[in-house]
Protein backbone atom coordinates (compact mmCIF):
# COMPACT_ATOMS: atom_id res chain seq x y z
CA MET A 1 161.04 167.67 132.13
CA LEU A 2 159.96 164.16 131.21
CA ASN A 3 160.27 163.23 134.88
CA VAL A 4 156.78 164.56 135.35
CA PHE A 5 155.40 161.49 133.56
CA LYS A 6 157.00 159.25 136.19
CA ARG A 7 154.51 160.47 138.77
CA LYS A 8 151.56 158.18 139.42
CA SER A 9 149.19 161.10 139.85
CA ILE A 10 149.63 162.08 136.20
CA TRP A 11 148.60 158.66 134.96
CA ILE A 12 145.74 158.42 137.47
CA SER A 13 144.35 161.77 136.31
CA MET A 14 144.57 160.67 132.67
CA LEU A 15 142.79 157.41 133.50
CA VAL A 16 140.02 159.21 135.38
CA ALA A 17 139.59 161.65 132.49
CA ALA A 18 139.31 158.79 130.00
CA ILE A 19 136.71 157.04 132.19
CA LEU A 20 134.64 160.20 132.54
CA ILE A 21 134.75 160.83 128.79
CA GLY A 22 133.60 157.26 128.22
CA LEU A 23 130.71 157.71 130.67
CA PHE A 24 129.62 160.94 128.96
CA ALA A 25 129.77 159.23 125.55
CA PHE A 26 127.79 156.24 126.81
CA ALA A 27 125.16 158.57 128.26
CA GLN A 28 124.78 160.27 124.90
CA VAL A 29 124.42 156.96 123.05
CA GLY A 30 121.98 155.66 125.63
CA ALA A 31 119.81 158.74 125.32
CA ARG A 32 119.63 158.30 121.56
CA SER A 33 118.99 154.56 121.62
CA THR A 34 116.11 154.61 124.13
CA VAL A 35 113.79 156.85 122.17
CA LYS A 36 110.19 155.73 122.55
CA VAL A 37 107.20 156.87 120.54
CA ARG A 38 103.50 156.88 121.33
CA HIS A 39 100.54 157.35 119.01
CA LEU A 40 102.80 157.95 116.02
CA PRO A 41 100.58 158.86 113.04
CA LEU A 42 100.83 156.37 110.17
CA ALA A 43 98.75 156.32 107.01
CA LEU A 44 96.66 153.27 106.20
CA VAL A 45 95.65 152.74 102.58
CA VAL A 46 93.36 149.80 101.81
CA ASN A 47 92.99 149.07 98.09
CA ASP A 48 91.18 145.78 98.63
CA LYS A 49 87.64 145.50 99.97
CA GLY A 50 87.66 141.72 100.43
CA LYS A 51 87.15 139.79 103.64
CA ASP A 52 90.81 138.96 104.29
CA ALA A 53 91.93 142.56 103.79
CA LYS A 54 89.27 143.70 106.25
CA ASN A 55 90.48 141.13 108.77
CA VAL A 56 94.03 142.45 108.52
CA VAL A 57 92.83 146.03 108.97
CA LYS A 58 90.82 144.94 112.00
CA LYS A 59 93.92 143.38 113.58
CA LEU A 60 96.00 146.49 112.92
CA ARG A 61 93.38 148.77 114.42
CA LYS A 62 93.00 146.54 117.45
CA GLU A 63 96.66 147.03 118.33
CA SER A 64 96.44 150.81 117.86
CA HIS A 65 93.51 151.13 120.30
CA LYS A 66 95.68 150.22 123.25
CA LYS A 67 96.42 153.04 125.72
CA ASN A 68 100.18 152.97 125.20
CA SER A 69 100.05 152.08 121.53
CA GLU A 70 102.98 153.24 119.44
CA ILE A 71 100.80 153.80 116.36
CA LYS A 72 97.82 155.94 115.49
CA TRP A 73 96.32 155.06 112.09
CA VAL A 74 95.25 157.79 109.69
CA ASP A 75 92.87 156.65 106.94
CA VAL A 76 94.02 157.65 103.46
CA ASN A 77 91.96 156.89 100.36
CA HIS A 78 94.67 156.74 97.69
CA THR A 79 98.39 156.04 97.56
CA SER A 80 98.85 159.23 95.55
CA GLU A 81 97.98 161.26 98.65
CA LEU A 82 100.99 159.98 100.60
CA THR A 83 103.48 162.41 99.06
CA ASN A 84 101.64 165.49 100.35
CA GLY A 85 101.01 163.80 103.69
CA PHE A 86 104.70 163.09 104.19
CA ALA A 87 105.62 166.64 103.17
CA SER A 88 103.18 168.17 105.68
CA ARG A 89 104.11 165.60 108.35
CA LYS A 90 100.55 164.40 108.78
CA TYR A 91 102.12 160.96 109.09
CA TYR A 92 105.66 159.57 109.11
CA GLY A 93 105.01 156.27 107.36
CA ALA A 94 102.29 154.24 105.72
CA VAL A 95 100.97 150.73 105.21
CA VAL A 96 99.34 150.02 101.85
CA ILE A 97 97.27 146.87 101.35
CA HIS A 98 97.20 146.21 97.63
CA SER A 99 94.29 145.07 95.52
CA ARG A 100 94.00 141.29 94.99
CA PHE A 101 95.07 140.82 98.62
CA THR A 102 91.99 138.73 99.43
CA LYS A 103 92.24 136.88 96.13
CA ALA A 104 95.82 135.85 96.92
CA ILE A 105 94.87 134.56 100.38
CA ASN A 106 91.96 132.65 98.85
CA GLN A 107 94.32 131.07 96.32
CA GLN A 108 96.57 129.90 99.15
CA THR A 109 93.60 128.48 101.06
CA ASP A 110 92.31 126.72 97.96
CA TYR A 111 95.75 125.29 97.24
CA LEU A 112 95.93 123.84 100.75
CA LYS A 113 92.41 122.47 100.39
CA GLY A 114 93.32 120.85 97.05
CA LYS A 115 96.36 119.16 98.62
CA ILE A 116 94.20 117.77 101.43
CA ILE A 117 91.65 116.38 98.95
CA THR A 118 94.42 114.86 96.82
CA GLN A 119 95.95 113.07 99.79
CA LYS A 120 92.59 111.71 100.96
CA LEU A 121 91.73 110.46 97.48
CA ALA A 122 95.11 108.74 97.20
CA ALA A 123 94.55 106.98 100.51
CA LEU A 124 91.04 105.94 99.45
CA ALA A 125 92.28 104.56 96.12
CA VAL A 126 94.83 102.38 97.93
CA LYS A 127 92.28 101.13 100.44
CA THR A 128 89.38 100.70 97.97
CA PRO A 129 90.63 100.53 94.37
CA MET A 130 87.09 100.26 93.02
CA ALA A 131 86.21 103.66 94.50
CA ALA A 132 88.59 105.33 92.06
CA GLU A 133 86.26 104.41 89.21
CA THR A 134 83.20 106.10 90.67
CA ALA A 135 81.85 109.46 89.50
CA PRO A 136 82.12 111.20 92.92
CA PHE A 137 85.77 110.17 93.15
CA GLN A 138 86.50 111.57 89.70
CA GLN A 139 84.66 114.79 90.53
CA GLN A 140 86.72 115.30 93.70
CA LYS A 141 89.88 114.51 91.77
CA ALA A 142 89.03 117.12 89.14
CA LEU A 143 88.31 119.65 91.88
CA ALA A 144 91.64 118.96 93.59
CA THR A 145 93.47 119.30 90.28
CA SER A 146 91.85 122.64 89.54
CA LEU A 147 92.71 123.96 93.03
CA THR A 148 96.38 122.98 92.83
CA LYS A 149 97.23 123.55 89.19
CA THR A 150 98.02 127.22 89.78
CA THR A 151 100.80 128.26 92.12
CA PRO A 152 99.25 130.58 94.73
CA GLU A 153 100.49 134.15 94.67
CA GLN A 154 101.53 136.16 97.71
CA ALA A 155 99.31 138.89 99.07
CA LYS A 156 101.02 142.25 98.53
CA VAL A 157 101.64 144.88 101.19
CA SER A 158 103.86 147.96 100.89
CA VAL A 159 105.24 149.86 103.87
CA TYR A 160 106.45 153.43 103.41
CA VAL A 161 108.92 155.29 105.60
CA SER A 162 109.46 159.04 105.24
CA GLN A 163 113.08 159.51 106.25
CA GLY A 164 113.14 163.25 105.78
CA SER A 165 110.30 163.90 108.24
CA ASN A 166 112.23 162.68 111.27
CA VAL A 167 115.38 160.58 110.99
CA THR A 168 115.04 159.00 114.43
CA VAL A 169 111.41 158.02 113.87
CA ALA A 170 112.28 156.78 110.37
CA ASN A 171 114.93 154.45 111.79
CA ILE A 172 112.38 153.05 114.24
CA LEU A 173 109.77 152.53 111.52
CA THR A 174 112.27 150.91 109.15
CA THR A 175 112.52 148.08 111.68
CA ALA A 176 109.04 148.16 113.23
CA LEU A 177 106.86 148.09 110.10
CA PRO A 178 108.43 144.96 108.53
CA LYS A 179 108.16 143.27 111.94
CA MET A 180 104.46 144.11 111.95
CA THR A 181 103.89 142.34 108.65
CA ASP A 182 106.10 139.46 109.82
CA ARG A 183 103.66 138.93 112.69
CA LEU A 184 100.76 138.84 110.24
CA ASN A 185 102.69 136.36 108.12
CA GLN A 186 103.32 134.16 111.13
CA LYS A 187 99.69 134.25 112.21
CA ILE A 188 98.33 133.22 108.80
CA SER A 189 101.05 130.60 108.36
CA ASN A 190 100.20 129.10 111.75
CA GLU A 191 96.56 128.83 110.67
CA TYR A 192 97.66 126.86 107.60
CA ILE A 193 99.78 124.59 109.79
CA THR A 194 96.82 123.95 112.11
CA VAL A 195 94.55 123.00 109.19
CA ALA A 196 97.21 120.72 107.70
CA ASN A 197 97.85 118.98 111.03
CA LYS A 198 94.16 118.40 111.68
CA SER A 199 93.81 116.81 108.24
CA GLY A 200 96.97 114.74 108.62
CA LEU A 201 98.45 116.43 105.56
CA THR A 202 102.14 116.09 104.85
CA LEU A 203 103.48 118.78 102.55
CA SER A 204 106.75 118.61 100.67
CA PRO A 205 109.23 121.45 101.25
CA GLN A 206 108.41 122.74 97.76
CA ASP A 207 104.68 122.82 98.48
CA TRP A 208 105.16 124.33 101.92
CA SER A 209 107.37 127.11 100.52
CA LYS A 210 104.30 128.36 98.66
CA LEU A 211 102.38 128.81 101.92
CA GLN A 212 104.92 129.71 104.59
CA THR A 213 105.11 133.38 103.54
CA PRO A 214 101.52 134.37 102.68
CA ILE A 215 102.28 138.10 102.56
CA HIS A 216 105.05 139.76 100.57
CA THR A 217 106.17 143.07 102.05
CA THR A 218 107.94 145.81 100.09
CA LEU A 219 109.74 148.54 102.03
CA ILE A 220 109.72 151.91 100.25
CA LYS A 221 111.70 154.89 101.54
CA ARG A 222 110.57 158.41 100.72
CA ASN A 223 112.45 161.68 101.21
CA LYS A 224 115.64 159.68 101.58
CA VAL A 225 118.49 160.85 103.79
CA SER A 226 122.00 159.75 102.88
CA THR A 227 123.38 157.19 105.33
CA LYS A 228 126.94 158.30 104.49
CA GLU A 229 126.53 161.68 106.12
CA ILE A 230 127.95 162.14 109.61
CA SER A 231 125.56 163.48 112.21
CA GLY A 232 125.79 167.26 112.60
CA MET A 233 126.17 166.81 116.36
CA ALA A 234 129.26 164.62 116.08
CA PRO A 235 131.92 167.40 115.88
CA PHE A 236 130.18 169.30 118.68
CA LEU A 237 130.06 166.27 120.98
CA VAL A 238 133.68 165.31 120.28
CA THR A 239 134.79 168.86 121.11
CA ILE A 240 132.85 168.85 124.38
CA PHE A 241 134.25 165.48 125.43
CA CYS A 242 137.82 166.53 124.65
CA TRP A 243 137.35 169.83 126.50
CA LEU A 244 135.90 168.10 129.55
CA GLY A 245 138.68 165.52 129.57
CA SER A 246 141.38 168.16 129.33
CA LEU A 247 139.74 170.29 132.02
CA ILE A 248 139.36 167.40 134.45
CA ALA A 249 142.93 166.21 133.89
CA SER A 250 144.27 169.76 134.33
CA LEU A 251 142.35 170.29 137.57
CA MET A 252 143.56 167.00 139.01
CA ASN A 253 147.18 167.74 138.06
CA TRP A 254 146.93 171.26 139.49
CA ARG A 255 145.51 169.92 142.75
CA ASP A 256 148.26 167.34 143.03
CA HIS A 257 150.95 169.80 142.10
CA SER A 258 149.71 172.43 144.55
CA LYS A 259 150.33 170.01 147.42
CA ASN A 260 153.94 169.43 146.47
CA GLU A 261 155.11 172.63 144.87
CA GLN A 262 157.72 174.76 146.58
CA LYS A 263 156.44 177.97 148.06
CA ARG A 264 157.17 180.97 145.87
CA HIS A 265 156.38 184.62 146.57
CA ASP A 266 155.53 185.39 142.95
CA GLY A 267 152.85 182.63 142.77
CA ARG A 268 154.47 180.82 139.79
CA LEU A 269 155.09 177.06 139.60
CA SER A 270 158.56 175.82 140.40
CA PHE A 271 160.58 174.74 137.38
CA ASN A 272 162.55 172.36 139.57
CA GLU A 273 159.35 170.47 140.40
CA LEU A 274 158.67 169.82 136.71
CA CYS A 275 162.22 168.64 136.16
């Protein structure tokens, strides 16, 4: 009976079945990985009324006004309202701008300004030593010292993702929201670089580390879904693929066998052909 496996048609049918199963599986993965969202409602909580916080909000809203924007902002007054909003699916995530946001940005700007003044005063003292004894020089030196004596803090932003509302959307937001704040970080950092370059300022790595990440982002997941659980569709899809593979292989083998089988009046397959 094992002679049947010596036939090329058997192996060809198995190969074709395996290829078709692979194509079906790839189609399923592709359909899941190309999900796109438009005008996804996200909560926006602004706990800082300063100028820099308003500028950030303006930039976020500008992106959402585009025709094919992925995000639609929903104004929320307090962070405490997010729990009910996630539960009722009014929004699937949130961005919270914390208080002291503007103060932190101002500290960073002042620190950079203090470093510029310090470098200019040092250059002036080398070029004109007598200038270091003057009152204006001492006043500028005191100002620079006061601006740089405190390490600037990072502006705080929290991004929330409600996993239980929609797992697919949650996976998208888990990547997209931190990237959004990364773009804000890059924009502000580039502004600092521009100011430093125009002033001819050279910052040490230690000093620059205090300014290269102006915004600190915290990712908070609500209504968590265990990542250890297997998708409920997995057993169903595996069964379908196996059934399709078996069916295709059987049909191909039957077609091949029907061409070569010995004619029988009772319609049954010949045992001699299998042996």
